[in-house]
């Protein structure tokens, strides 16, 4: 029987864990669902059940995996108007923009669970402690320089949906608890001109 638990993220929304058996350290996002397979020597051993690390094995010091569900919401449904520079979600409207020369394509884009801490958010951690939590827009995994469009905070963009950093915390806290039920996405965003 599965021993379901949930990653308790740090102040920045990430938890450093050891990949097993390699032992290298990586960060997993808060609220990620995991299955604890064993406990020994003060460490919980687990398998990620969702996100880009789904199916992979890790360990972490006891006490960082919660038995309490994060009260997931249903899949998010966002809309982004390129011309109006507005991102709408159930709790309001936020100023957002994309690149004029290389805009995010019109259409529906999946919003994935954050994949890894993005250093591009470092300059915005004063406005939001979660600024390094970016949501990949698409299917599969992001390929840097190829299909790497994200929903993220910032003042500059290379074709992502870039959100006012002062509003990022409220949007992040909404999205991180949304789930589509596919083990990979938190919802979708519809992009219009």
N, C-alpha and C. Protein backbone atom coordinates (compact mmCIF):
# COMPACT_ATOMS: atom_id res chain seq x y z
N UNK A 1 0.84 -1.19 0.00
CA UNK A 1 0.00 0.00 0.00
C UNK A 1 0.88 1.25 0.00
N UNK A 2 0.49 2.23 -0.78
CA UNK A 2 1.27 3.46 -0.92
C UNK A 2 1.24 4.28 0.37
N UNK A 3 2.37 4.88 0.70
CA UNK A 3 2.49 5.80 1.83
C UNK A 3 2.64 7.20 1.23
N UNK A 4 1.50 7.80 0.85
CA UNK A 4 1.51 9.09 0.17
C UNK A 4 1.89 10.22 1.12
N UNK A 5 2.79 11.06 0.63
CA UNK A 5 3.18 12.25 1.37
C UNK A 5 3.43 13.37 0.37
N UNK A 6 3.74 14.54 0.92
CA UNK A 6 3.87 15.74 0.09
C UNK A 6 5.12 16.51 0.51
N UNK A 7 5.85 16.99 -0.49
CA UNK A 7 7.06 17.76 -0.22
C UNK A 7 6.69 19.04 0.54
N UNK A 8 7.40 19.29 1.62
CA UNK A 8 7.28 20.55 2.34
C UNK A 8 8.41 21.44 1.85
N UNK A 9 8.08 22.41 1.04
CA UNK A 9 9.10 23.29 0.48
C UNK A 9 9.65 24.25 1.52
N UNK A 10 10.84 24.74 1.28
CA UNK A 10 11.44 25.73 2.16
C UNK A 10 10.82 27.10 1.94
N UNK A 11 11.43 28.12 2.49
CA UNK A 11 10.91 29.49 2.37
C UNK A 11 10.81 29.93 0.91
N UNK A 12 11.60 29.30 0.03
CA UNK A 12 11.57 29.65 -1.39
C UNK A 12 10.73 28.69 -2.23
N UNK A 13 10.07 27.73 -1.55
CA UNK A 13 9.21 26.78 -2.26
C UNK A 13 9.91 25.53 -2.75
N UNK A 14 11.19 25.35 -2.43
CA UNK A 14 11.96 24.20 -2.89
C UNK A 14 12.52 23.41 -1.72
N UNK A 15 12.70 22.10 -1.91
CA UNK A 15 13.33 21.23 -0.91
C UNK A 15 14.48 20.49 -1.58
N UNK A 16 15.67 20.62 -1.00
CA UNK A 16 16.83 19.88 -1.51
C UNK A 16 16.76 18.44 -1.02
N UNK A 17 16.90 17.50 -1.95
CA UNK A 17 16.84 16.07 -1.66
C UNK A 17 18.02 15.39 -2.36
N UNK A 18 18.27 14.13 -1.97
CA UNK A 18 19.31 13.35 -2.63
C UNK A 18 18.68 12.40 -3.63
N UNK A 19 19.22 12.40 -4.83
CA UNK A 19 18.79 11.43 -5.84
C UNK A 19 19.39 10.08 -5.44
N UNK A 20 18.61 9.04 -5.50
CA UNK A 20 19.10 7.70 -5.14
C UNK A 20 19.20 6.84 -6.40
N UNK A 21 20.25 6.06 -6.51
CA UNK A 21 21.33 5.87 -5.54
C UNK A 21 22.52 6.82 -5.76
N UNK A 22 22.47 7.71 -6.72
CA UNK A 22 23.63 8.54 -7.09
C UNK A 22 24.06 9.50 -5.99
N UNK A 23 23.14 9.94 -5.15
CA UNK A 23 23.42 10.83 -4.02
C UNK A 23 23.62 12.30 -4.40
N UNK A 24 23.46 12.68 -5.68
CA UNK A 24 23.59 14.10 -6.00
C UNK A 24 22.35 14.84 -5.50
N UNK A 25 22.54 16.10 -5.15
CA UNK A 25 21.48 16.92 -4.58
C UNK A 25 20.72 17.64 -5.70
N UNK A 26 19.39 17.56 -5.64
CA UNK A 26 18.54 18.35 -6.53
C UNK A 26 17.42 18.96 -5.69
N UNK A 27 16.70 19.91 -6.25
CA UNK A 27 15.59 20.55 -5.55
C UNK A 27 14.27 20.09 -6.17
N UNK A 28 13.32 19.76 -5.30
CA UNK A 28 11.97 19.42 -5.73
C UNK A 28 11.01 20.49 -5.21
N UNK A 29 9.95 20.78 -5.98
CA UNK A 29 9.02 21.84 -5.57
C UNK A 29 8.10 21.42 -4.43
N UNK A 30 7.73 22.38 -3.61
CA UNK A 30 6.76 22.13 -2.55
C UNK A 30 5.45 21.66 -3.13
N UNK A 31 4.71 20.91 -2.35
CA UNK A 31 3.40 20.29 -2.64
C UNK A 31 3.49 19.08 -3.56
N UNK A 32 4.69 18.71 -4.02
CA UNK A 32 4.83 17.56 -4.91
C UNK A 32 4.43 16.28 -4.18
N UNK A 33 3.62 15.45 -4.83
CA UNK A 33 3.16 14.19 -4.24
C UNK A 33 4.23 13.12 -4.42
N UNK A 34 4.51 12.39 -3.33
CA UNK A 34 5.52 11.33 -3.35
C UNK A 34 4.99 10.09 -2.65
N UNK A 35 5.65 8.96 -2.88
CA UNK A 35 5.33 7.69 -2.21
C UNK A 35 6.56 7.27 -1.41
N UNK A 36 6.44 7.26 -0.08
CA UNK A 36 7.55 6.85 0.77
C UNK A 36 7.66 5.33 0.70
N UNK A 37 8.84 4.85 0.33
CA UNK A 37 9.07 3.41 0.17
C UNK A 37 9.77 2.80 1.37
N UNK A 38 10.54 3.60 2.12
CA UNK A 38 11.20 3.09 3.32
C UNK A 38 11.74 4.24 4.14
N UNK A 39 12.15 3.90 5.36
CA UNK A 39 12.77 4.87 6.26
C UNK A 39 13.91 4.16 6.97
N UNK A 40 15.11 4.71 6.85
CA UNK A 40 16.23 4.12 7.59
C UNK A 40 17.28 5.19 7.86
N UNK A 41 17.94 5.03 9.00
CA UNK A 41 19.00 5.95 9.41
C UNK A 41 18.56 7.42 9.38
N UNK A 42 17.31 7.66 9.78
CA UNK A 42 16.82 9.04 9.86
C UNK A 42 16.47 9.67 8.53
N UNK A 43 16.35 8.85 7.47
CA UNK A 43 16.02 9.37 6.14
C UNK A 43 14.78 8.68 5.60
N UNK A 44 13.94 9.46 4.92
CA UNK A 44 12.80 8.92 4.19
C UNK A 44 13.23 8.69 2.75
N UNK A 45 12.98 7.49 2.24
CA UNK A 45 13.26 7.15 0.84
C UNK A 45 11.93 7.14 0.11
N UNK A 46 11.90 7.79 -1.04
CA UNK A 46 10.61 7.95 -1.71
C UNK A 46 10.77 8.02 -3.22
N UNK A 47 9.62 7.85 -3.89
CA UNK A 47 9.52 7.97 -5.34
C UNK A 47 8.62 9.16 -5.65
N UNK A 48 9.06 10.03 -6.53
CA UNK A 48 8.23 11.16 -6.96
C UNK A 48 7.08 10.63 -7.81
N UNK A 49 5.87 11.08 -7.52
CA UNK A 49 4.69 10.62 -8.25
C UNK A 49 4.20 11.61 -9.29
N UNK A 50 4.85 12.77 -9.37
CA UNK A 50 4.44 13.77 -10.35
C UNK A 50 5.60 14.71 -10.64
N UNK A 51 5.41 15.56 -11.64
CA UNK A 51 6.46 16.50 -12.03
C UNK A 51 7.48 15.88 -12.96
N UNK A 52 8.51 16.65 -13.31
CA UNK A 52 9.52 16.17 -14.26
C UNK A 52 10.35 15.02 -13.71
N UNK A 53 10.36 14.84 -12.41
CA UNK A 53 11.11 13.74 -11.79
C UNK A 53 10.22 12.54 -11.47
N UNK A 54 9.02 12.50 -12.02
CA UNK A 54 8.08 11.41 -11.77
C UNK A 54 8.74 10.05 -12.03
N UNK A 55 8.56 9.13 -11.06
CA UNK A 55 9.09 7.78 -11.19
C UNK A 55 10.53 7.63 -10.72
N UNK A 56 11.17 8.72 -10.33
CA UNK A 56 12.56 8.65 -9.88
C UNK A 56 12.62 8.60 -8.36
N UNK A 57 13.73 8.04 -7.86
CA UNK A 57 13.88 7.79 -6.42
C UNK A 57 14.79 8.81 -5.75
N UNK A 58 14.42 9.16 -4.52
CA UNK A 58 15.12 10.18 -3.76
C UNK A 58 15.11 9.82 -2.28
N UNK A 59 15.90 10.57 -1.50
CA UNK A 59 15.81 10.48 -0.05
C UNK A 59 15.98 11.87 0.55
N UNK A 60 15.46 12.02 1.77
CA UNK A 60 15.56 13.29 2.48
C UNK A 60 15.52 12.99 3.98
N UNK A 61 16.13 13.85 4.76
CA UNK A 61 16.09 13.72 6.21
C UNK A 61 14.62 13.71 6.66
N UNK A 62 14.32 12.89 7.67
CA UNK A 62 12.95 12.81 8.18
C UNK A 62 12.41 14.19 8.54
N UNK A 63 11.11 14.37 8.37
CA UNK A 63 10.45 15.60 8.79
C UNK A 63 10.10 16.57 7.69
N UNK A 64 10.50 16.27 6.46
CA UNK A 64 10.23 17.19 5.35
C UNK A 64 9.14 16.71 4.39
N UNK A 65 8.55 15.57 4.72
CA UNK A 65 7.47 15.03 3.90
C UNK A 65 6.21 15.01 4.76
N UNK A 66 5.22 15.76 4.37
CA UNK A 66 3.99 15.90 5.15
C UNK A 66 2.99 14.80 4.79
N UNK A 67 2.29 14.31 5.79
CA UNK A 67 1.19 13.36 5.56
C UNK A 67 -0.10 14.11 5.21
N UNK A 68 -0.11 15.41 5.44
CA UNK A 68 -1.30 16.23 5.20
C UNK A 68 -1.29 16.74 3.76
N UNK A 69 -2.38 16.46 3.06
CA UNK A 69 -2.51 16.91 1.67
C UNK A 69 -2.52 18.44 1.61
N UNK A 70 -1.92 19.03 0.58
CA UNK A 70 -1.92 20.49 0.43
C UNK A 70 -3.26 21.05 -0.06
N UNK A 71 -4.32 20.23 0.00
CA UNK A 71 -5.64 20.67 -0.48
C UNK A 71 -5.58 21.15 -1.92
N UNK A 72 -5.23 20.21 -2.80
CA UNK A 72 -5.15 20.53 -4.22
C UNK A 72 -6.47 21.07 -4.74
N UNK A 73 -6.36 21.99 -5.68
CA UNK A 73 -7.52 22.51 -6.41
C UNK A 73 -7.59 21.79 -7.75
N UNK A 74 -8.69 22.00 -8.44
CA UNK A 74 -8.79 21.46 -9.80
C UNK A 74 -7.86 22.26 -10.72
N UNK A 75 -7.75 21.81 -11.94
CA UNK A 75 -6.84 22.43 -12.91
C UNK A 75 -7.12 23.93 -13.08
N UNK A 76 -6.05 24.69 -13.15
CA UNK A 76 -6.15 26.14 -13.36
C UNK A 76 -6.55 26.43 -14.81
N UNK A 77 -7.30 27.48 -15.00
CA UNK A 77 -7.66 27.95 -16.34
C UNK A 77 -7.37 29.44 -16.38
N UNK A 78 -6.26 29.80 -17.01
CA UNK A 78 -5.81 31.18 -17.10
C UNK A 78 -6.00 31.69 -18.52
N UNK A 79 -6.06 33.00 -18.67
CA UNK A 79 -6.07 33.59 -20.01
C UNK A 79 -5.09 34.76 -20.03
N UNK A 80 -4.39 34.88 -21.14
CA UNK A 80 -3.40 35.94 -21.31
C UNK A 80 -3.66 36.67 -22.61
N UNK A 81 -3.92 37.97 -22.50
CA UNK A 81 -4.10 38.83 -23.67
C UNK A 81 -2.78 39.53 -23.95
N UNK A 82 -2.18 39.20 -25.09
CA UNK A 82 -0.90 39.80 -25.47
C UNK A 82 -1.07 41.31 -25.66
N UNK A 83 -2.11 41.73 -26.37
CA UNK A 83 -2.29 43.16 -26.67
C UNK A 83 -2.64 43.99 -25.43
N UNK A 84 -3.40 43.41 -24.51
CA UNK A 84 -3.79 44.14 -23.30
C UNK A 84 -2.79 43.97 -22.16
N UNK A 85 -1.85 43.05 -22.32
CA UNK A 85 -0.85 42.74 -21.30
C UNK A 85 -1.50 42.41 -19.95
N UNK A 86 -2.51 41.52 -20.02
CA UNK A 86 -3.23 41.11 -18.81
C UNK A 86 -3.30 39.59 -18.75
N UNK A 87 -2.94 39.05 -17.59
CA UNK A 87 -3.12 37.63 -17.29
C UNK A 87 -4.28 37.54 -16.30
N UNK A 88 -5.30 36.77 -16.66
CA UNK A 88 -6.45 36.60 -15.77
C UNK A 88 -6.43 35.21 -15.16
N UNK A 89 -6.75 35.16 -13.87
CA UNK A 89 -6.91 33.89 -13.17
C UNK A 89 -8.07 34.08 -12.18
N UNK A 90 -8.54 33.01 -11.52
CA UNK A 90 -9.75 33.13 -10.71
C UNK A 90 -9.74 34.21 -9.63
N UNK A 91 -8.56 34.66 -9.21
CA UNK A 91 -8.51 35.65 -8.14
C UNK A 91 -8.17 37.05 -8.62
N UNK A 92 -8.16 37.25 -9.92
CA UNK A 92 -7.94 38.60 -10.41
C UNK A 92 -7.19 38.69 -11.72
N UNK A 93 -6.74 39.91 -11.98
CA UNK A 93 -5.99 40.22 -13.20
C UNK A 93 -4.62 40.76 -12.80
N UNK A 94 -3.60 40.35 -13.55
CA UNK A 94 -2.23 40.75 -13.25
C UNK A 94 -1.59 41.28 -14.53
N UNK A 95 -0.79 42.34 -14.39
CA UNK A 95 -0.04 42.83 -15.54
C UNK A 95 0.99 41.78 -15.94
N UNK A 96 1.02 41.44 -17.22
CA UNK A 96 1.96 40.46 -17.77
C UNK A 96 2.26 40.84 -19.21
N UNK A 97 3.36 40.34 -19.73
CA UNK A 97 3.72 40.67 -21.11
C UNK A 97 4.57 39.55 -21.70
N UNK A 98 4.80 39.65 -23.01
CA UNK A 98 5.66 38.72 -23.72
C UNK A 98 6.56 39.54 -24.65
N UNK A 99 7.47 38.89 -25.31
CA UNK A 99 8.40 39.58 -26.21
C UNK A 99 7.68 40.04 -27.48
N UNK A 100 7.95 41.26 -27.94
CA UNK A 100 7.32 41.78 -29.15
C UNK A 100 7.78 41.04 -30.40
N UNK A 101 9.05 40.69 -30.47
CA UNK A 101 9.61 40.03 -31.65
C UNK A 101 9.37 38.53 -31.64
N UNK A 102 9.43 37.92 -30.47
CA UNK A 102 9.27 36.47 -30.32
C UNK A 102 8.18 36.18 -29.28
N UNK A 103 6.92 36.57 -29.57
CA UNK A 103 5.87 36.39 -28.57
C UNK A 103 5.49 34.92 -28.39
N UNK A 104 4.93 34.62 -27.23
CA UNK A 104 4.40 33.28 -27.03
C UNK A 104 3.28 33.08 -28.05
N UNK A 105 3.22 31.92 -28.70
CA UNK A 105 2.19 31.70 -29.73
C UNK A 105 0.76 31.74 -29.17
N UNK A 106 -0.15 32.24 -29.98
CA UNK A 106 -1.57 32.21 -29.65
C UNK A 106 -2.00 30.75 -29.55
N UNK A 107 -2.89 30.45 -28.61
CA UNK A 107 -3.38 29.09 -28.45
C UNK A 107 -3.43 28.69 -26.99
N UNK A 108 -3.62 27.40 -26.77
CA UNK A 108 -3.71 26.86 -25.42
C UNK A 108 -2.40 26.17 -25.07
N UNK A 109 -1.85 26.52 -23.93
CA UNK A 109 -0.57 25.97 -23.47
C UNK A 109 -0.75 25.31 -22.11
N UNK A 110 -0.24 24.09 -21.96
CA UNK A 110 -0.23 23.43 -20.66
C UNK A 110 0.69 24.20 -19.72
N UNK A 111 0.35 24.24 -18.45
CA UNK A 111 1.18 24.86 -17.41
C UNK A 111 1.69 23.72 -16.54
N UNK A 112 2.99 23.49 -16.55
CA UNK A 112 3.55 22.36 -15.81
C UNK A 112 3.95 22.74 -14.39
N UNK A 113 4.02 21.71 -13.54
CA UNK A 113 4.56 21.84 -12.19
C UNK A 113 6.00 22.37 -12.34
N UNK A 114 6.45 23.29 -11.47
CA UNK A 114 7.82 23.80 -11.60
C UNK A 114 8.86 22.68 -11.70
N UNK A 115 9.85 22.87 -12.58
CA UNK A 115 10.81 21.81 -12.87
C UNK A 115 12.10 21.89 -12.06
N UNK A 116 12.62 23.07 -11.86
CA UNK A 116 13.84 23.27 -11.07
C UNK A 116 13.92 24.75 -10.72
N UNK A 117 14.72 25.13 -9.71
CA UNK A 117 14.85 26.55 -9.38
C UNK A 117 15.55 27.30 -10.51
N UNK A 118 14.93 28.36 -10.97
CA UNK A 118 15.46 29.15 -12.09
C UNK A 118 16.20 30.37 -11.56
N UNK A 119 17.49 30.45 -11.87
CA UNK A 119 18.31 31.57 -11.41
C UNK A 119 17.84 32.91 -11.98
N UNK A 120 17.08 32.87 -13.07
CA UNK A 120 16.55 34.11 -13.64
C UNK A 120 15.61 34.84 -12.69
N UNK A 121 15.15 34.15 -11.65
CA UNK A 121 14.27 34.78 -10.67
C UNK A 121 15.00 35.41 -9.50
N UNK A 122 16.32 35.21 -9.43
CA UNK A 122 17.09 35.72 -8.28
C UNK A 122 16.92 37.21 -8.04
N UNK A 123 16.81 37.98 -9.08
CA UNK A 123 16.68 39.43 -8.94
C UNK A 123 15.33 39.89 -8.43
N UNK A 124 14.40 38.95 -8.24
CA UNK A 124 13.04 39.31 -7.84
C UNK A 124 12.63 38.70 -6.51
N UNK A 125 13.58 38.13 -5.77
CA UNK A 125 13.24 37.47 -4.51
C UNK A 125 12.81 38.45 -3.42
N UNK A 126 13.13 39.73 -3.57
CA UNK A 126 12.64 40.73 -2.62
C UNK A 126 11.13 40.90 -2.81
N UNK A 127 10.67 40.88 -4.06
CA UNK A 127 9.24 41.02 -4.35
C UNK A 127 8.48 39.72 -4.07
N UNK A 128 9.13 38.58 -4.25
CA UNK A 128 8.49 37.29 -3.99
C UNK A 128 9.54 36.24 -3.64
N UNK A 129 9.39 35.57 -2.49
CA UNK A 129 10.34 34.51 -2.15
C UNK A 129 10.27 33.33 -3.12
N UNK A 130 9.20 33.27 -3.91
CA UNK A 130 8.99 32.16 -4.85
C UNK A 130 9.42 32.51 -6.28
N UNK A 131 10.21 33.55 -6.44
CA UNK A 131 10.58 34.06 -7.77
C UNK A 131 11.35 33.05 -8.61
N UNK A 132 11.97 32.04 -8.00
CA UNK A 132 12.72 31.03 -8.77
C UNK A 132 11.84 29.85 -9.18
N UNK A 133 10.56 29.89 -8.83
CA UNK A 133 9.59 28.86 -9.23
C UNK A 133 8.93 29.28 -10.53
N UNK A 134 9.35 28.69 -11.62
CA UNK A 134 8.80 29.01 -12.93
C UNK A 134 7.99 27.82 -13.43
N UNK A 135 6.89 28.10 -14.13
CA UNK A 135 6.01 27.07 -14.66
C UNK A 135 6.23 26.96 -16.17
N UNK A 136 6.75 25.81 -16.60
CA UNK A 136 6.99 25.58 -18.03
C UNK A 136 5.66 25.51 -18.77
N UNK A 137 5.61 26.13 -19.94
CA UNK A 137 4.41 26.15 -20.77
C UNK A 137 4.61 25.24 -21.96
N UNK A 138 4.00 24.07 -21.92
CA UNK A 138 4.13 23.14 -23.04
C UNK A 138 3.99 21.70 -22.60
N UNK A 139 4.36 20.80 -23.51
CA UNK A 139 4.34 19.37 -23.22
C UNK A 139 5.78 18.87 -23.22
N UNK A 140 6.01 17.72 -22.66
CA UNK A 140 7.37 17.21 -22.57
C UNK A 140 8.16 18.05 -21.59
N UNK A 141 9.48 18.02 -21.71
CA UNK A 141 10.34 18.83 -20.85
C UNK A 141 10.91 19.99 -21.64
N UNK A 142 11.20 21.07 -20.94
CA UNK A 142 11.78 22.25 -21.58
C UNK A 142 13.16 21.92 -22.13
N UNK A 143 13.45 22.44 -23.29
CA UNK A 143 14.77 22.30 -23.90
C UNK A 143 15.33 23.72 -24.01
N UNK A 144 16.37 24.05 -23.22
CA UNK A 144 16.90 25.42 -23.24
C UNK A 144 17.22 25.91 -24.66
N UNK A 145 16.72 27.11 -24.97
CA UNK A 145 16.98 27.71 -26.27
C UNK A 145 16.12 27.18 -27.39
N UNK A 146 15.23 26.24 -27.11
CA UNK A 146 14.43 25.64 -28.16
C UNK A 146 12.94 25.83 -27.88
N UNK A 147 12.44 25.15 -26.88
CA UNK A 147 11.02 25.27 -26.56
C UNK A 147 10.86 25.58 -25.08
N UNK A 148 11.60 26.57 -24.63
CA UNK A 148 11.66 26.84 -23.19
C UNK A 148 10.87 28.08 -22.79
N UNK A 149 9.59 28.09 -23.08
CA UNK A 149 8.74 29.21 -22.67
C UNK A 149 8.12 28.89 -21.31
N UNK A 150 8.15 29.90 -20.44
CA UNK A 150 7.68 29.73 -19.07
C UNK A 150 6.71 30.83 -18.68
N UNK A 151 5.97 30.58 -17.62
CA UNK A 151 5.22 31.59 -16.89
C UNK A 151 6.09 31.92 -15.69
N UNK A 152 6.55 33.17 -15.59
CA UNK A 152 7.50 33.53 -14.54
C UNK A 152 7.42 35.02 -14.21
N UNK A 153 7.99 35.42 -13.05
CA UNK A 153 8.03 36.83 -12.70
C UNK A 153 9.20 37.52 -13.38
N UNK A 154 9.10 38.83 -13.56
CA UNK A 154 10.25 39.54 -14.10
C UNK A 154 9.90 40.87 -14.74
N UNK A 155 10.94 41.49 -15.26
CA UNK A 155 10.80 42.78 -15.95
C UNK A 155 11.27 42.67 -17.41
N UNK A 156 11.83 41.51 -17.77
CA UNK A 156 12.27 41.25 -19.14
C UNK A 156 11.79 39.88 -19.58
N UNK A 157 11.69 39.68 -20.89
CA UNK A 157 11.20 38.40 -21.39
C UNK A 157 11.85 38.07 -22.73
N UNK A 158 11.95 36.79 -23.00
CA UNK A 158 12.46 36.30 -24.29
C UNK A 158 11.38 35.48 -25.00
N UNK A 159 10.11 35.79 -24.71
CA UNK A 159 9.02 35.06 -25.35
C UNK A 159 8.19 34.25 -24.39
N UNK A 160 8.43 34.41 -23.11
CA UNK A 160 7.64 33.75 -22.08
C UNK A 160 6.42 34.62 -21.76
N UNK A 161 5.60 34.18 -20.81
CA UNK A 161 4.60 35.06 -20.21
C UNK A 161 5.24 35.55 -18.92
N UNK A 162 5.55 36.82 -18.87
CA UNK A 162 6.29 37.40 -17.76
C UNK A 162 5.35 38.28 -16.94
N UNK A 163 5.33 38.01 -15.64
CA UNK A 163 4.35 38.60 -14.72
C UNK A 163 5.02 39.63 -13.81
N UNK A 164 4.27 40.64 -13.44
CA UNK A 164 4.71 41.64 -12.47
C UNK A 164 5.22 40.92 -11.22
N UNK A 165 6.49 41.09 -10.85
CA UNK A 165 7.06 40.37 -9.70
C UNK A 165 6.34 40.63 -8.38
N UNK A 166 5.72 41.80 -8.23
CA UNK A 166 5.03 42.09 -6.98
C UNK A 166 3.74 41.29 -6.83
N UNK A 167 3.27 40.68 -7.91
CA UNK A 167 2.05 39.87 -7.89
C UNK A 167 2.35 38.37 -7.98
N UNK A 168 3.64 38.01 -8.08
CA UNK A 168 4.00 36.62 -8.31
C UNK A 168 3.60 35.70 -7.16
N UNK A 169 3.79 36.13 -5.91
CA UNK A 169 3.48 35.26 -4.77
C UNK A 169 2.04 34.80 -4.81
N UNK A 170 1.09 35.71 -5.04
CA UNK A 170 -0.32 35.30 -5.05
C UNK A 170 -0.62 34.35 -6.20
N UNK A 171 -0.04 34.58 -7.37
CA UNK A 171 -0.26 33.67 -8.50
C UNK A 171 0.40 32.32 -8.24
N UNK A 172 1.63 32.33 -7.75
CA UNK A 172 2.34 31.09 -7.42
C UNK A 172 1.53 30.27 -6.41
N UNK A 173 1.08 30.90 -5.33
CA UNK A 173 0.35 30.17 -4.28
C UNK A 173 -0.95 29.57 -4.80
N UNK A 174 -1.55 30.19 -5.80
CA UNK A 174 -2.72 29.61 -6.44
C UNK A 174 -2.31 28.41 -7.31
N UNK A 175 -1.36 28.62 -8.21
CA UNK A 175 -0.99 27.58 -9.18
C UNK A 175 -0.37 26.35 -8.54
N UNK A 176 0.46 26.51 -7.51
CA UNK A 176 1.20 25.37 -6.96
C UNK A 176 0.26 24.34 -6.34
N UNK A 177 -0.96 24.72 -6.03
CA UNK A 177 -1.93 23.79 -5.46
C UNK A 177 -2.97 23.30 -6.47
N UNK A 178 -2.82 23.70 -7.72
CA UNK A 178 -3.71 23.22 -8.78
C UNK A 178 -3.13 21.95 -9.39
N UNK A 179 -3.98 21.03 -9.81
CA UNK A 179 -3.54 19.81 -10.48
C UNK A 179 -4.54 19.44 -11.57
N UNK A 180 -4.00 19.00 -12.71
CA UNK A 180 -4.83 18.56 -13.83
C UNK A 180 -5.16 17.08 -13.76
N UNK A 181 -4.45 16.33 -12.92
CA UNK A 181 -4.70 14.90 -12.79
C UNK A 181 -3.82 14.04 -13.68
N UNK A 182 -2.88 14.65 -14.41
CA UNK A 182 -2.01 13.89 -15.31
C UNK A 182 -0.61 13.68 -14.74
N UNK A 183 -0.38 14.16 -13.51
CA UNK A 183 0.93 13.99 -12.89
C UNK A 183 1.99 14.95 -13.39
N UNK A 184 1.62 15.89 -14.25
CA UNK A 184 2.62 16.79 -14.83
C UNK A 184 2.19 18.26 -14.84
N UNK A 185 0.90 18.51 -15.01
CA UNK A 185 0.46 19.89 -15.20
C UNK A 185 -0.45 20.39 -14.08
N UNK A 186 -0.48 21.74 -13.95
CA UNK A 186 -1.36 22.38 -12.98
C UNK A 186 -2.56 23.03 -13.66
N UNK A 187 -2.57 23.06 -14.98
CA UNK A 187 -3.67 23.64 -15.73
C UNK A 187 -3.23 24.11 -17.10
N UNK A 188 -3.97 25.10 -17.62
CA UNK A 188 -3.70 25.62 -18.96
C UNK A 188 -3.86 27.12 -18.99
N UNK A 189 -3.17 27.73 -19.95
CA UNK A 189 -3.35 29.16 -20.20
C UNK A 189 -3.71 29.33 -21.67
N UNK A 190 -4.75 30.11 -21.92
CA UNK A 190 -5.17 30.43 -23.28
C UNK A 190 -4.60 31.79 -23.64
N UNK A 191 -3.80 31.82 -24.71
CA UNK A 191 -3.15 33.05 -25.16
C UNK A 191 -3.91 33.60 -26.35
N UNK A 192 -4.28 34.87 -26.26
CA UNK A 192 -4.95 35.57 -27.36
C UNK A 192 -4.17 36.83 -27.70
N UNK A 193 -4.40 37.34 -28.91
CA UNK A 193 -3.74 38.59 -29.31
C UNK A 193 -4.53 39.71 -28.70
